[in-house]
Amino acid sequence: MNRHSFKCLKLIEGINPNKKLIVMLKKFLSLEGMQRLSVSEQKNINGGAIPPDDGGANCNEFVIVTATEARCLAYDPFYRPVYIGSNKCSILMPPC
């Protein structure tokens, strides 16, 4: 944990970082699939549409999207979500 990380924690949480927060952050980063993002990577995150906005290219077709099992199964039943493993989710795109 470097000085920059302390500053980020302080700005984000509005608190003074302490040993417990550092331990918690390290535990999050040790989880499978977690990684620390650089500042430029963080700036490039734009979020995503649910379902993905493909401009109507896949109307009424099944598409595969990246999602955890929990996120996949949280999709509205209208999209008929099916978790197929390895962070892949099949959903039915709406009709055009």
Protein backbone atom coordinates (compact mmCIF):
# COMPACT_ATOMS: atom_id res chain seq x y z
CA MET A 1 0.00 0.00 0.00
CA ASN A 2 1.63 3.23 -1.08
CA ARG A 3 0.96 6.89 -0.27
CA HIS A 4 -1.21 7.28 -3.39
CA SER A 5 -3.46 4.40 -2.25
CA PHE A 6 -3.89 6.05 1.17
CA LYS A 7 -4.88 9.28 -0.55
CA CYS A 8 -7.41 7.45 -2.76
CA LEU A 9 -8.96 5.68 0.21
CA LYS A 10 -9.22 8.94 2.09
CA LEU A 11 -10.86 10.70 -0.87
CA ILE A 12 -13.22 7.86 -1.75
CA GLU A 13 -14.38 6.94 1.72
CA GLY A 14 -13.95 10.34 3.37
CA ILE A 15 -12.04 8.67 6.19
CA ASN A 16 -8.50 8.30 7.38
CA PRO A 17 -7.23 4.94 6.20
CA ASN A 18 -6.12 2.66 8.97
CA LYS A 19 -4.68 -0.80 9.28
CA LYS A 20 -8.10 -2.51 9.09
CA LEU A 21 -8.90 -0.81 5.78
CA ILE A 22 -5.55 -1.78 4.34
CA VAL A 23 -6.11 -5.40 5.36
CA MET A 24 -9.61 -5.29 3.82
CA LEU A 25 -8.29 -3.85 0.54
CA LYS A 26 -5.60 -6.53 0.38
CA LYS A 27 -8.25 -9.22 0.97
CA PHE A 28 -10.36 -7.84 -1.88
CA LEU A 29 -7.36 -7.82 -4.19
CA SER A 30 -6.51 -11.41 -3.22
CA LEU A 31 -9.91 -12.69 -4.43
CA GLU A 32 -9.91 -14.68 -7.64
CA GLY A 33 -10.32 -12.41 -10.65
CA MET A 34 -9.64 -9.19 -8.75
CA GLN A 35 -6.90 -6.86 -9.86
CA ARG A 36 -5.73 -3.37 -9.09
CA LEU A 37 -6.47 -0.96 -11.96
CA SER A 38 -4.16 1.83 -12.97
CA VAL A 39 -5.51 5.37 -13.06
CA SER A 40 -5.72 5.26 -16.87
CA GLU A 41 -7.62 1.94 -16.74
CA GLN A 42 -10.07 3.41 -14.23
CA LYS A 43 -10.68 6.41 -16.50
CA ASN A 44 -11.54 4.08 -19.42
CA ILE A 45 -14.38 2.35 -17.57
CA ASN A 46 -17.63 3.48 -19.15
CA GLY A 47 -20.02 0.95 -17.68
CA GLY A 48 -22.38 -1.00 -19.85
CA ALA A 49 -25.97 -1.31 -20.89
CA ILE A 50 -28.08 -4.22 -19.69
CA PRO A 51 -28.70 -5.80 -22.08
CA PRO A 52 -25.77 -4.62 -24.17
CA ASP A 53 -26.72 -1.92 -26.66
CA ASP A 54 -25.71 -3.43 -29.98
CA GLY A 55 -27.65 -1.00 -32.17
CA GLY A 56 -30.26 -3.62 -33.02
CA ALA A 57 -27.76 -5.99 -34.67
CA ASN A 58 -28.94 -8.99 -32.63
CA CYS A 59 -32.68 -8.40 -32.31
CA ASN A 60 -34.54 -11.38 -30.83
CA GLU A 61 -31.36 -13.51 -30.79
CA PHE A 62 -29.46 -15.09 -27.94
CA VAL A 63 -26.14 -13.42 -27.18
CA ILE A 64 -23.36 -14.24 -24.73
CA VAL A 65 -22.35 -11.49 -22.30
CA THR A 66 -19.68 -11.44 -19.61
CA ALA A 67 -21.29 -11.62 -16.17
CA THR A 68 -20.86 -13.43 -12.89
CA GLU A 69 -23.43 -16.07 -12.03
CA ALA A 70 -25.09 -13.74 -9.52
CA ARG A 71 -25.24 -10.86 -12.02
CA CYS A 72 -26.49 -13.13 -14.80
CA LEU A 73 -29.31 -14.55 -12.73
CA ALA A 74 -30.26 -11.03 -11.59
CA TYR A 75 -31.21 -10.05 -15.17
CA ASP A 76 -34.91 -9.51 -15.70
CA PRO A 77 -36.60 -12.86 -16.60
CA PHE A 78 -37.74 -11.15 -19.84
CA TYR A 79 -34.17 -11.70 -21.16
CA ARG A 80 -34.26 -15.42 -20.24
CA PRO A 81 -30.81 -15.39 -18.60
CA VAL A 82 -28.86 -18.65 -18.39
CA TYR A 83 -25.47 -18.80 -16.68
CA ILE A 84 -23.24 -21.06 -18.76
CA GLY A 85 -20.10 -20.92 -16.61
CA SER A 86 -16.74 -19.13 -16.77
CA ASN A 87 -18.41 -15.73 -16.26
CA LYS A 88 -20.53 -16.15 -19.40
CA CYS A 89 -24.26 -15.52 -19.52
CA SER A 90 -26.70 -16.18 -22.35
CA ILE A 91 -29.52 -13.64 -22.71
CA LEU A 92 -32.25 -13.12 -25.31
CA MET A 93 -32.03 -9.69 -26.90
CA PRO A 94 -35.35 -7.81 -27.15
CA PRO A 95 -37.18 -7.66 -30.48
CA CYS A 96 -36.53 -4.65 -32.71
